[in-house]
Amino acid sequence: MRTIIICGATATGKSDLAVALAQEIGGEIVNADSMQVYEGMDIGTAKLTVAERKGVTHHLLDVLSVRQDSTVAWYQEIARKTIDEIHQRGQNAIIVGGTGLYIKAIVDDLNFPDTDPVVRSRLELEAIEQGAAVLFARLEKLDPAAALAIDRANTRRIVRALEVIEITGQPFTANLPREASSRYPDAFHFGLSQDRESLDIRVSNRVDAMWDAGLVEEVQGLVLTGLREGVTAQKALGYAQVLQLMDGTLTSDQAREETKRVTRQYIRRQDTWFSRDGRLHWLGHYENRLEKILARLNS
């Protein structure tokens, strides 16, 4: 049974392509989007509806409450177990998402050092006293590659990366192995690309559609179920901006435009991350992507 990765930046069409592929070859989809793991975070993460999944089994959607914090180590364990189970059922596993570190955690032999309470507490205190921006600037100097993979507003992950650097004496990304050590050496790796101008338009249209579909109301409902109590979920693109709207620090128009801006910024980080993976076979938006994938799988 095969393992297939479909990755790329936000709004490049990964989810729909994965469903079409699964229908063609008999496959189940494993989510590799760090925010689609949260129950109730649907509109702002562009999570496919049940109807849009067209009967294809999807895994690792809606597996955490917004109060819970996800970690790469947790994701690695549950995703690999899921893939093994898919293969045991005689199905192909299709890993789909734009969170590069999650995908790398699945396919490569990443090691996650234990936490050091003393180091972590000190870094958390520094974050409170100096601000996350100061710690992020330190991370950019110590490990630029890690800084590309981590949202500068995600204090918890910044602290974790700096903790690993201090504990091991190596960059956080020293845990990222060469391609030869892949857990799935026969996997097929596909990256979806799109020119920046058309992608910017897609982002703008997508964010407008999310607002029209009720993103603000979705966030308001999630606040009642604990969104502000979790660290990870409330930092999600769009959700953080709506929370600022609810707090009165942004107007509705400002929140919408800020969501577009940070999404484009995130896409640039995704592009940089994925461009470093030499295993990816890139597919442009102008190509018949499904046809190209099927031809490569059958070659």
C-alpha atoms as a PDB file:
ATOM      1  CA  MET A   1       0.000   0.000   0.000  1.00  0.00           C
ATOM      2  CA  ARG A   2       1.217   3.476  -0.852  1.00  0.00           C
ATOM      3  CA  THR A   3       1.866   6.610   1.158  1.00  0.00           C
ATOM      4  CA  ILE A   4       1.219   9.832  -0.728  1.00  0.00           C
ATOM      5  CA  ILE A   5       1.896  13.373   0.477  1.00  0.00           C
ATOM      6  CA  ILE A   6       0.077  16.376  -0.992  1.00  0.00           C
ATOM      7  CA  CYS A   7       1.363  19.600   0.497  1.00  0.00           C
ATOM      8  CA  GLY A   8       1.818  23.238  -0.327  1.00  0.00           C
ATOM      9  CA  ALA A   9       0.783  26.696   0.722  1.00  0.00           C
ATOM     10  CA  THR A  10      -2.645  27.758   1.913  1.00  0.00           C
ATOM     11  CA  ALA A  11      -5.337  28.066  -0.790  1.00  0.00           C
ATOM     12  CA  THR A  12      -3.534  26.016  -3.451  1.00  0.00           C
ATOM     13  CA  GLY A  13      -6.301  23.375  -3.702  1.00  0.00           C
ATOM     14  CA  LYS A  14      -4.842  20.506  -1.660  1.00  0.00           C
ATOM     15  CA  SER A  15      -8.033  19.230  -0.022  1.00  0.00           C
ATOM     16  CA  ASP A  16     -10.168  18.868  -3.149  1.00  0.00           C
ATOM     17  CA  LEU A  17      -7.315  17.240  -5.064  1.00  0.00           C
ATOM     18  CA  ALA A  18      -6.781  14.728  -2.248  1.00  0.00           C
ATOM     19  CA  VAL A  19     -10.455  13.740  -2.295  1.00  0.00           C
ATOM     20  CA  ALA A  20     -10.385  13.239  -6.057  1.00  0.00           C
ATOM     21  CA  LEU A  21      -7.231  11.129  -5.770  1.00  0.00           C
ATOM     22  CA  ALA A  22      -8.662   9.015  -2.965  1.00  0.00           C
ATOM     23  CA  GLN A  23     -11.717   8.270  -5.073  1.00  0.00           C
ATOM     24  CA  GLU A  24      -9.535   7.188  -7.972  1.00  0.00           C
ATOM     25  CA  ILE A  25      -7.092   4.904  -6.161  1.00  0.00           C
ATOM     26  CA  GLY A  26      -8.921   3.822  -3.015  1.00  0.00           C
ATOM     27  CA  GLY A  27      -7.444   5.873  -0.226  1.00  0.00           C
ATOM     28  CA  GLU A  28      -8.031   7.465   3.140  1.00  0.00           C
ATOM     29  CA  ILE A  29      -6.914  10.974   3.988  1.00  0.00           C
ATOM     30  CA  VAL A  30      -4.768  11.984   6.957  1.00  0.00           C
ATOM     31  CA  ASN A  31      -5.034  15.659   7.874  1.00  0.00           C
ATOM     32  CA  ALA A  32      -1.726  17.512   8.254  1.00  0.00           C
ATOM     33  CA  ASP A  33      -3.125  20.955   9.034  1.00  0.00           C
ATOM     34  CA  SER A  34      -2.323  21.967  12.603  1.00  0.00           C
ATOM     35  CA  MET A  35      -5.601  23.872  13.059  1.00  0.00           C
ATOM     36  CA  GLN A  36      -8.024  21.454  11.414  1.00  0.00           C
ATOM     37  CA  VAL A  37      -7.391  19.060  14.311  1.00  0.00           C
ATOM     38  CA  TYR A  38      -9.650  21.330  16.406  1.00  0.00           C
ATOM     39  CA  GLU A  39     -13.328  20.593  16.750  1.00  0.00           C
ATOM     40  CA  GLY A  40     -15.525  23.475  15.695  1.00  0.00           C
ATOM     41  CA  MET A  41     -12.802  25.374  13.842  1.00  0.00           C
ATOM     42  CA  ASP A  42     -14.366  24.826  10.449  1.00  0.00           C
ATOM     43  CA  ILE A  43     -14.891  28.037   8.501  1.00  0.00           C
ATOM     44  CA  GLY A  44     -11.600  29.714   9.337  1.00  0.00           C
ATOM     45  CA  THR A  45      -9.522  26.618   8.543  1.00  0.00           C
ATOM     46  CA  ALA A  46     -11.355  25.888   5.261  1.00  0.00           C
ATOM     47  CA  LYS A  47     -12.153  22.415   6.584  1.00  0.00           C
ATOM     48  CA  LEU A  48     -14.082  20.349   4.048  1.00  0.00           C
ATOM     49  CA  THR A  49     -17.687  19.709   4.970  1.00  0.00           C
ATOM     50  CA  VAL A  50     -18.894  16.117   5.191  1.00  0.00           C
ATOM     51  CA  ALA A  51     -20.567  16.540   1.790  1.00  0.00           C
ATOM     52  CA  GLU A  52     -17.359  17.893   0.257  1.00  0.00           C
ATOM     53  CA  ARG A  53     -15.457  14.826   1.482  1.00  0.00           C
ATOM     54  CA  LYS A  54     -17.583  12.753  -0.937  1.00  0.00           C
ATOM     55  CA  GLY A  55     -17.561   9.633   1.200  1.00  0.00           C
ATOM     56  CA  VAL A  56     -13.760   9.530   1.548  1.00  0.00           C
ATOM     57  CA  THR A  57     -12.633   8.726   5.088  1.00  0.00           C
ATOM     58  CA  HIS A  58     -10.736  11.587   6.731  1.00  0.00           C
ATOM     59  CA  HIS A  59      -8.575  11.203   9.830  1.00  0.00           C
ATOM     60  CA  LEU A  60      -7.281  13.664  12.443  1.00  0.00           C
ATOM     61  CA  LEU A  61     -10.007  16.209  11.927  1.00  0.00           C
ATOM     62  CA  ASP A  62     -11.860  17.432  15.041  1.00  0.00           C
ATOM     63  CA  VAL A  63      -9.749  15.365  17.453  1.00  0.00           C
ATOM     64  CA  LEU A  64      -8.965  18.120  19.979  1.00  0.00           C
ATOM     65  CA  SER A  65     -11.091  20.666  21.791  1.00  0.00           C
ATOM     66  CA  VAL A  66     -10.062  24.301  21.495  1.00  0.00           C
ATOM     67  CA  ARG A  67      -8.988  24.165  25.146  1.00  0.00           C
ATOM     68  CA  GLN A  68      -6.288  21.612  24.346  1.00  0.00           C
ATOM     69  CA  ASP A  69      -2.830  22.381  22.960  1.00  0.00           C
ATOM     70  CA  SER A  70      -1.377  20.308  20.148  1.00  0.00           C
ATOM     71  CA  THR A  71       2.287  19.333  19.950  1.00  0.00           C
ATOM     72  CA  VAL A  72       4.368  17.950  17.120  1.00  0.00           C
ATOM     73  CA  ALA A  73       5.300  14.912  19.217  1.00  0.00           C
ATOM     74  CA  TRP A  74       1.626  14.133  19.900  1.00  0.00           C
ATOM     75  CA  TYR A  75       0.780  14.564  16.242  1.00  0.00           C
ATOM     76  CA  GLN A  76       3.647  12.368  15.082  1.00  0.00           C
ATOM     77  CA  GLU A  77       2.531   9.464  17.250  1.00  0.00           C
ATOM     78  CA  ILE A  78      -1.154   9.572  16.364  1.00  0.00           C
ATOM     79  CA  ALA A  79      -0.565  10.214  12.645  1.00  0.00           C
ATOM     80  CA  ARG A  80       1.868   7.318  12.220  1.00  0.00           C
ATOM     81  CA  LYS A  81      -0.499   4.979  14.056  1.00  0.00           C
ATOM     82  CA  THR A  82      -3.318   6.107  11.770  1.00  0.00           C
ATOM     83  CA  ILE A  83      -1.260   5.509   8.626  1.00  0.00           C
ATOM     84  CA  ASP A  84      -0.302   2.010   9.802  1.00  0.00           C
ATOM     85  CA  GLU A  85      -3.970   1.202  10.359  1.00  0.00           C
ATOM     86  CA  ILE A  86      -4.919   2.510   6.908  1.00  0.00           C
ATOM     87  CA  HIS A  87      -2.290   0.298   5.280  1.00  0.00           C
ATOM     88  CA  GLN A  88      -3.458  -2.707   7.309  1.00  0.00           C
ATOM     89  CA  ARG A  89      -6.926  -2.194   5.837  1.00  0.00           C
ATOM     90  CA  GLY A  90      -5.430  -2.396   2.355  1.00  0.00           C
ATOM     91  CA  GLN A  91      -5.922   1.271   1.610  1.00  0.00           C
ATOM     92  CA  ASN A  92      -3.565   3.970   0.409  1.00  0.00           C
ATOM     93  CA  ALA A  93      -2.733   6.713   2.920  1.00  0.00           C
ATOM     94  CA  ILE A  94      -2.917  10.260   1.548  1.00  0.00           C
ATOM     95  CA  ILE A  95      -1.344  12.857   3.846  1.00  0.00           C
ATOM     96  CA  VAL A  96      -2.685  16.329   3.097  1.00  0.00           C
ATOM     97  CA  GLY A  97      -1.904  19.700   4.590  1.00  0.00           C
ATOM     98  CA  GLY A  98       0.177  22.822   4.744  1.00  0.00           C
ATOM     99  CA  THR A  99       1.861  22.428   8.129  1.00  0.00           C
ATOM    100  CA  GLY A 100       5.356  21.509   7.028  1.00  0.00           C
ATOM    101  CA  LEU A 101       6.644  20.423  10.410  1.00  0.00           C
ATOM    102  CA  TYR A 102       3.685  18.063  10.877  1.00  0.00           C
ATOM    103  CA  ILE A 103       4.351  16.407   7.526  1.00  0.00           C
ATOM    104  CA  LYS A 104       8.064  16.106   8.268  1.00  0.00           C
ATOM    105  CA  ALA A 105       7.257  14.633  11.683  1.00  0.00           C
ATOM    106  CA  ILE A 106       5.276  11.870   9.967  1.00  0.00           C
ATOM    107  CA  VAL A 107       7.710  10.873   7.264  1.00  0.00           C
ATOM    108  CA  ASP A 108      11.072  11.521   8.915  1.00  0.00           C
ATOM    109  CA  ASP A 109      12.662  10.246  12.092  1.00  0.00           C
ATOM    110  CA  LEU A 110      12.382  13.376  14.218  1.00  0.00           C
ATOM    111  CA  ASN A 111      13.445  13.129  17.839  1.00  0.00           C
ATOM    112  CA  PHE A 112      11.779  15.218  20.493  1.00  0.00           C
ATOM    113  CA  PRO A 113      13.897  15.829  23.605  1.00  0.00           C
ATOM    114  CA  ASP A 114      12.206  15.755  26.986  1.00  0.00           C
ATOM    115  CA  THR A 115      11.319  19.084  28.519  1.00  0.00           C
ATOM    116  CA  ASP A 116      13.458  20.718  31.199  1.00  0.00           C
ATOM    117  CA  PRO A 117      11.160  22.445  33.714  1.00  0.00           C
ATOM    118  CA  VAL A 118      13.845  24.879  34.846  1.00  0.00           C
ATOM    119  CA  VAL A 119      14.785  25.996  31.339  1.00  0.00           C
ATOM    120  CA  ARG A 120      11.167  26.179  30.237  1.00  0.00           C
ATOM    121  CA  SER A 121      10.074  28.217  33.253  1.00  0.00           C
ATOM    122  CA  ARG A 122      12.876  30.710  32.693  1.00  0.00           C
ATOM    123  CA  LEU A 123      12.006  31.117  29.007  1.00  0.00           C
ATOM    124  CA  GLU A 124       8.308  31.492  29.794  1.00  0.00           C
ATOM    125  CA  LEU A 125       9.150  34.208  32.300  1.00  0.00           C
ATOM    126  CA  GLU A 126      11.306  35.961  29.695  1.00  0.00           C
ATOM    127  CA  ALA A 127       8.380  35.820  27.266  1.00  0.00           C
ATOM    128  CA  ILE A 128       6.127  37.488  29.820  1.00  0.00           C
ATOM    129  CA  GLU A 129       8.651  40.151  30.801  1.00  0.00           C
ATOM    130  CA  GLN A 130      10.210  40.881  27.401  1.00  0.00           C
ATOM    131  CA  GLY A 131       7.517  39.772  24.970  1.00  0.00           C
ATOM    132  CA  ALA A 132       7.356  37.020  22.365  1.00  0.00           C
ATOM    133  CA  ALA A 133       8.956  39.269  19.734  1.00  0.00           C
ATOM    134  CA  VAL A 134      12.242  39.359  21.647  1.00  0.00           C
ATOM    135  CA  LEU A 135      12.330  35.564  21.929  1.00  0.00           C
ATOM    136  CA  PHE A 136      11.412  35.172  18.276  1.00  0.00           C
ATOM    137  CA  ALA A 137      14.280  37.457  17.264  1.00  0.00           C
ATOM    138  CA  ARG A 138      16.601  35.238  19.302  1.00  0.00           C
ATOM    139  CA  LEU A 139      15.228  32.152  17.536  1.00  0.00           C
ATOM    140  CA  GLU A 140      15.782  33.775  14.131  1.00  0.00           C
ATOM    141  CA  LYS A 141      19.475  34.195  14.997  1.00  0.00           C
ATOM    142  CA  LEU A 142      19.960  30.752  16.549  1.00  0.00           C
ATOM    143  CA  ASP A 143      17.884  28.741  14.071  1.00  0.00           C
ATOM    144  CA  PRO A 144      16.509  30.637  11.045  1.00  0.00           C
ATOM    145  CA  ALA A 145      14.950  27.465   9.625  1.00  0.00           C
ATOM    146  CA  ALA A 146      12.913  26.901  12.795  1.00  0.00           C
ATOM    147  CA  ALA A 147      11.770  30.521  12.706  1.00  0.00           C
ATOM    148  CA  LEU A 148      10.342  29.901   9.236  1.00  0.00           C
ATOM    149  CA  ALA A 149       8.202  27.046  10.562  1.00  0.00           C
ATOM    150  CA  ILE A 150       6.890  28.781  13.684  1.00  0.00           C
ATOM    151  CA  ASP A 151       4.367  31.610  13.854  1.00  0.00           C
ATOM    152  CA  ARG A 152       6.014  34.610  15.521  1.00  0.00           C
ATOM    153  CA  ALA A 153       2.848  35.002  17.629  1.00  0.00           C
ATOM    154  CA  ASN A 154       2.978  31.420  18.923  1.00  0.00           C
ATOM    155  CA  THR A 155       4.836  31.974  22.180  1.00  0.00           C
ATOM    156  CA  ARG A 156       4.539  28.371  23.297  1.00  0.00           C
ATOM    157  CA  ARG A 157       6.278  26.995  20.226  1.00  0.00           C
ATOM    158  CA  ILE A 158       8.934  29.694  20.274  1.00  0.00           C
ATOM    159  CA  VAL A 159       9.696  28.790  23.885  1.00  0.00           C
ATOM    160  CA  ARG A 160       9.809  25.089  23.016  1.00  0.00           C
ATOM    161  CA  ALA A 161      12.251  25.650  20.141  1.00  0.00           C
ATOM    162  CA  LEU A 162      14.557  27.740  22.324  1.00  0.00           C
ATOM    163  CA  GLU A 163      14.277  25.134  25.084  1.00  0.00           C
ATOM    164  CA  VAL A 164      15.384  22.348  22.721  1.00  0.00           C
ATOM    165  CA  ILE A 165      18.286  24.468  21.490  1.00  0.00           C
ATOM    166  CA  GLU A 166      19.431  25.082  25.058  1.00  0.00           C
ATOM    167  CA  ILE A 167      18.973  21.461  26.185  1.00  0.00           C
ATOM    168  CA  THR A 168      20.684  19.845  23.200  1.00  0.00           C
ATOM    169  CA  GLY A 169      23.178  22.533  22.260  1.00  0.00           C
ATOM    170  CA  GLN A 170      21.973  22.158  18.672  1.00  0.00           C
ATOM    171  CA  PRO A 171      19.466  24.017  16.498  1.00  0.00           C
ATOM    172  CA  PHE A 172      15.875  22.878  16.873  1.00  0.00           C
ATOM    173  CA  THR A 173      15.988  21.812  13.222  1.00  0.00           C
ATOM    174  CA  ALA A 174      18.953  19.549  13.935  1.00  0.00           C
ATOM    175  CA  ASN A 175      16.177  17.062  14.667  1.00  0.00           C
ATOM    176  CA  LEU A 176      15.179  17.233  11.016  1.00  0.00           C
ATOM    177  CA  PRO A 177      17.043  14.393   9.296  1.00  0.00           C
ATOM    178  CA  ARG A 178      18.265  13.988   5.773  1.00  0.00           C
ATOM    179  CA  GLU A 179      15.815  12.526   3.312  1.00  0.00           C
ATOM    180  CA  ALA A 180      17.548   9.138   3.386  1.00  0.00           C
ATOM    181  CA  SER A 181      16.230   8.516   6.906  1.00  0.00           C
ATOM    182  CA  SER A 182      12.583   8.791   5.886  1.00  0.00           C
ATOM    183  CA  ARG A 183      10.197   6.460   7.685  1.00  0.00           C
ATOM    184  CA  TYR A 184       8.386   5.977   4.362  1.00  0.00           C
ATOM    185  CA  PRO A 185      11.203   5.876   1.783  1.00  0.00           C
ATOM    186  CA  ASP A 186       8.819   4.800  -0.994  1.00  0.00           C
ATOM    187  CA  ALA A 187       6.344   7.634  -0.366  1.00  0.00           C
ATOM    188  CA  PHE A 188       5.280   9.893  -3.204  1.00  0.00           C
ATOM    189  CA  HIS A 189       5.747  13.584  -2.414  1.00  0.00           C
ATOM    190  CA  PHE A 190       3.711  16.193  -4.311  1.00  0.00           C
ATOM    191  CA  GLY A 191       3.786  19.945  -3.783  1.00  0.00           C
ATOM    192  CA  LEU A 192       1.167  22.310  -5.187  1.00  0.00           C
ATOM    193  CA  SER A 193       2.373  25.656  -6.484  1.00  0.00           C
ATOM    194  CA  GLN A 194       0.614  28.735  -7.754  1.00  0.00           C
ATOM    195  CA  ASP A 195       1.845  32.109  -8.929  1.00  0.00           C
ATOM    196  CA  ARG A 196       1.795  34.756  -6.220  1.00  0.00           C
ATOM    197  CA  GLU A 197      -0.585  37.150  -7.970  1.00  0.00           C
ATOM    198  CA  SER A 198      -3.376  34.628  -8.476  1.00  0.00           C
ATOM    199  CA  LEU A 199      -2.776  33.162  -5.014  1.00  0.00           C
ATOM    200  CA  ASP A 200      -3.149  36.612  -3.446  1.00  0.00           C
ATOM    201  CA  ILE A 201      -6.503  36.933  -5.198  1.00  0.00           C
ATOM    202  CA  ARG A 202      -7.541  33.495  -3.956  1.00  0.00           C
ATOM    203  CA  VAL A 203      -6.591  34.457  -0.396  1.00  0.00           C
ATOM    204  CA  SER A 204      -8.595  37.664  -0.583  1.00  0.00           C
ATOM    205  CA  ASN A 205     -11.635  35.861  -1.972  1.00  0.00           C
ATOM    206  CA  ARG A 206     -11.295  33.043   0.556  1.00  0.00           C
ATOM    207  CA  VAL A 207     -11.150  35.373   3.546  1.00  0.00           C
ATOM    208  CA  ASP A 208     -14.137  37.364   2.252  1.00  0.00           C
ATOM    209  CA  ALA A 209     -16.046  34.098   1.803  1.00  0.00           C
ATOM    210  CA  MET A 210     -15.159  33.027   5.357  1.00  0.00           C
ATOM    211  CA  TRP A 211     -16.498  36.286   6.733  1.00  0.00           C
ATOM    212  CA  ASP A 212     -19.678  35.906   4.687  1.00  0.00           C
ATOM    213  CA  ALA A 213     -20.052  32.283   5.822  1.00  0.00           C
ATOM    214  CA  GLY A 214     -20.046  33.329   9.490  1.00  0.00           C
ATOM    215  CA  LEU A 215     -16.456  33.231  10.759  1.00  0.00           C
ATOM    216  CA  VAL A 216     -17.199  35.894  13.373  1.00  0.00           C
ATOM    217  CA  GLU A 217     -20.152  33.905  14.667  1.00  0.00           C
ATOM    218  CA  GLU A 218     -18.055  30.728  14.676  1.00  0.00           C
ATOM    219  CA  VAL A 219     -15.415  32.382  16.847  1.00  0.00           C
ATOM    220  CA  GLN A 220     -18.043  33.791  19.187  1.00  0.00           C
ATOM    221  CA  GLY A 221     -19.398  30.273  19.684  1.00  0.00           C
ATOM    222  CA  LEU A 222     -15.925  28.841  20.249  1.00  0.00           C
ATOM    223  CA  VAL A 223     -15.207  31.444  22.930  1.00  0.00           C
ATOM    224  CA  LEU A 224     -18.120  29.975  24.864  1.00  0.00           C
ATOM    225  CA  THR A 225     -16.536  26.514  24.622  1.00  0.00           C
ATOM    226  CA  GLY A 226     -13.100  27.637  25.793  1.00  0.00           C
ATOM    227  CA  LEU A 227     -11.208  29.142  22.851  1.00  0.00           C
ATOM    228  CA  ARG A 228      -9.484  31.729  25.039  1.00  0.00           C
ATOM    229  CA  GLU A 229      -8.409  29.028  27.502  1.00  0.00           C
ATOM    230  CA  GLY A 230      -6.256  27.173  24.975  1.00  0.00           C
ATOM    231  CA  VAL A 231      -2.941  28.528  23.770  1.00  0.00           C
ATOM    232  CA  THR A 232      -2.673  27.079  20.275  1.00  0.00           C
ATOM    233  CA  ALA A 233      -6.175  27.378  18.827  1.00  0.00           C
ATOM    234  CA  GLN A 234      -6.681  31.061  19.585  1.00  0.00           C
ATOM    235  CA  LYS A 235      -3.543  31.908  17.557  1.00  0.00           C
ATOM    236  CA  ALA A 236      -5.011  30.505  14.332  1.00  0.00           C
ATOM    237  CA  LEU A 237      -5.174  32.775  11.304  1.00  0.00           C
ATOM    238  CA  GLY A 238      -8.497  34.565  11.267  1.00  0.00           C
ATOM    239  CA  TYR A 239      -9.460  33.443  14.739  1.00  0.00           C
ATOM    240  CA  ALA A 240      -6.862  35.678  16.399  1.00  0.00           C
ATOM    241  CA  GLN A 241      -8.080  38.629  14.355  1.00  0.00           C
ATOM    242  CA  VAL A 242     -11.745  38.023  15.194  1.00  0.00           C
ATOM    243  CA  LEU A 243     -10.811  37.843  18.875  1.00  0.00           C
ATOM    244  CA  GLN A 244      -9.196  41.257  18.477  1.00  0.00           C
ATOM    245  CA  LEU A 245     -12.417  42.451  16.850  1.00  0.00           C
ATOM    246  CA  MET A 246     -14.386  41.132  19.814  1.00  0.00           C
ATOM    247  CA  ASP A 247     -11.983  42.914  22.173  1.00  0.00           C
ATOM    248  CA  GLY A 248     -12.461  46.184  20.326  1.00  0.00           C
ATOM    249  CA  THR A 249      -8.868  46.549  19.172  1.00  0.00           C
ATOM    250  CA  LEU A 250      -9.769  46.060  15.495  1.00  0.00           C
ATOM    251  CA  THR A 251     -12.812  47.047  13.458  1.00  0.00           C
ATOM    252  CA  SER A 252     -14.515  44.425  11.308  1.00  0.00           C
ATOM    253  CA  ASP A 253     -12.845  45.744   8.148  1.00  0.00           C
ATOM    254  CA  GLN A 254      -9.455  45.900   9.875  1.00  0.00           C
ATOM    255  CA  ALA A 255      -9.809  42.324  11.164  1.00  0.00           C
ATOM    256  CA  ARG A 256     -10.676  41.082   7.699  1.00  0.00           C
ATOM    257  CA  GLU A 257      -7.774  42.886   6.024  1.00  0.00           C
ATOM    258  CA  GLU A 258      -5.343  41.827   8.775  1.00  0.00           C
ATOM    259  CA  THR A 259      -6.402  38.205   8.234  1.00  0.00           C
ATOM    260  CA  LYS A 260      -5.552  38.560   4.550  1.00  0.00           C
ATOM    261  CA  ARG A 261      -2.196  40.134   5.377  1.00  0.00           C
ATOM    262  CA  VAL A 262      -1.077  37.497   7.888  1.00  0.00           C
ATOM    263  CA  THR A 263      -2.308  34.712   5.599  1.00  0.00           C
ATOM    264  CA  ARG A 264      -0.129  36.006   2.760  1.00  0.00           C
ATOM    265  CA  GLN A 265       2.759  36.274   5.192  1.00  0.00           C
ATOM    266  CA  TYR A 266       2.184  32.686   6.304  1.00  0.00           C
ATOM    267  CA  ILE A 267       2.111  31.519   2.686  1.00  0.00           C
ATOM    268  CA  ARG A 268       5.579  33.001   2.148  1.00  0.00           C
ATOM    269  CA  ARG A 269       6.860  30.989   5.115  1.00  0.00           C
ATOM    270  CA  GLN A 270       5.193  27.851   3.771  1.00  0.00           C
ATOM    271  CA  ASP A 271       6.781  28.377   0.350  1.00  0.00           C
ATOM    272  CA  THR A 272      10.212  28.762   1.905  1.00  0.00           C
ATOM    273  CA  TRP A 273       9.767  25.666   4.068  1.00  0.00           C
ATOM    274  CA  PHE A 274       8.552  23.376   1.295  1.00  0.00           C
ATOM    275  CA  SER A 275      11.094  24.662  -1.236  1.00  0.00           C
ATOM    276  CA  ARG A 276      13.819  23.095   0.928  1.00  0.00           C
ATOM    277  CA  ASP A 277      12.420  19.572   0.468  1.00  0.00           C
ATOM    278  CA  GLY A 278      14.050  18.030  -2.570  1.00  0.00           C
ATOM    279  CA  ARG A 279      11.645  15.097  -2.610  1.00  0.00           C
ATOM    280  CA  LEU A 280       8.692  17.184  -3.727  1.00  0.00           C
ATOM    281  CA  HIS A 281       7.381  16.813  -7.269  1.00  0.00           C
ATOM    282  CA  TRP A 282       5.821  20.206  -7.957  1.00  0.00           C
ATOM    283  CA  LEU A 283       2.501  20.647  -9.746  1.00  0.00           C
ATOM    284  CA  GLY A 284       1.414  24.049 -11.033  1.00  0.00           C
ATOM    285  CA  HIS A 285      -2.155  25.298 -10.915  1.00  0.00           C
ATOM    286  CA  TYR A 286      -2.264  25.307 -14.713  1.00  0.00           C
ATOM    287  CA  GLU A 287      -1.705  21.530 -14.887  1.00  0.00           C
ATOM    288  CA  ASN A 288      -4.165  18.659 -14.652  1.00  0.00           C
ATOM    289  CA  ARG A 289      -2.839  17.748 -11.245  1.00  0.00           C
ATOM    290  CA  LEU A 290      -4.845  14.579 -10.752  1.00  0.00           C
ATOM    291  CA  GLU A 291      -3.762  13.249 -14.133  1.00  0.00           C
ATOM    292  CA  LYS A 292      -0.118  14.061 -13.358  1.00  0.00           C
ATOM    293  CA  ILE A 293      -0.256  12.316  -9.979  1.00  0.00           C
ATOM    294  CA  LEU A 294      -1.893   9.198 -11.383  1.00  0.00           C
ATOM    295  CA  ALA A 295       0.709   9.023 -14.150  1.00  0.00           C
ATOM    296  CA  ARG A 296       3.532   9.269 -11.627  1.00  0.00           C
ATOM    297  CA  LEU A 297       1.976   6.642  -9.339  1.00  0.00           C
ATOM    298  CA  ASN A 298       1.642   4.259 -12.259  1.00  0.00           C
ATOM    299  CA  SER A 299       5.053   4.892 -13.834  1.00  0.00           C
END
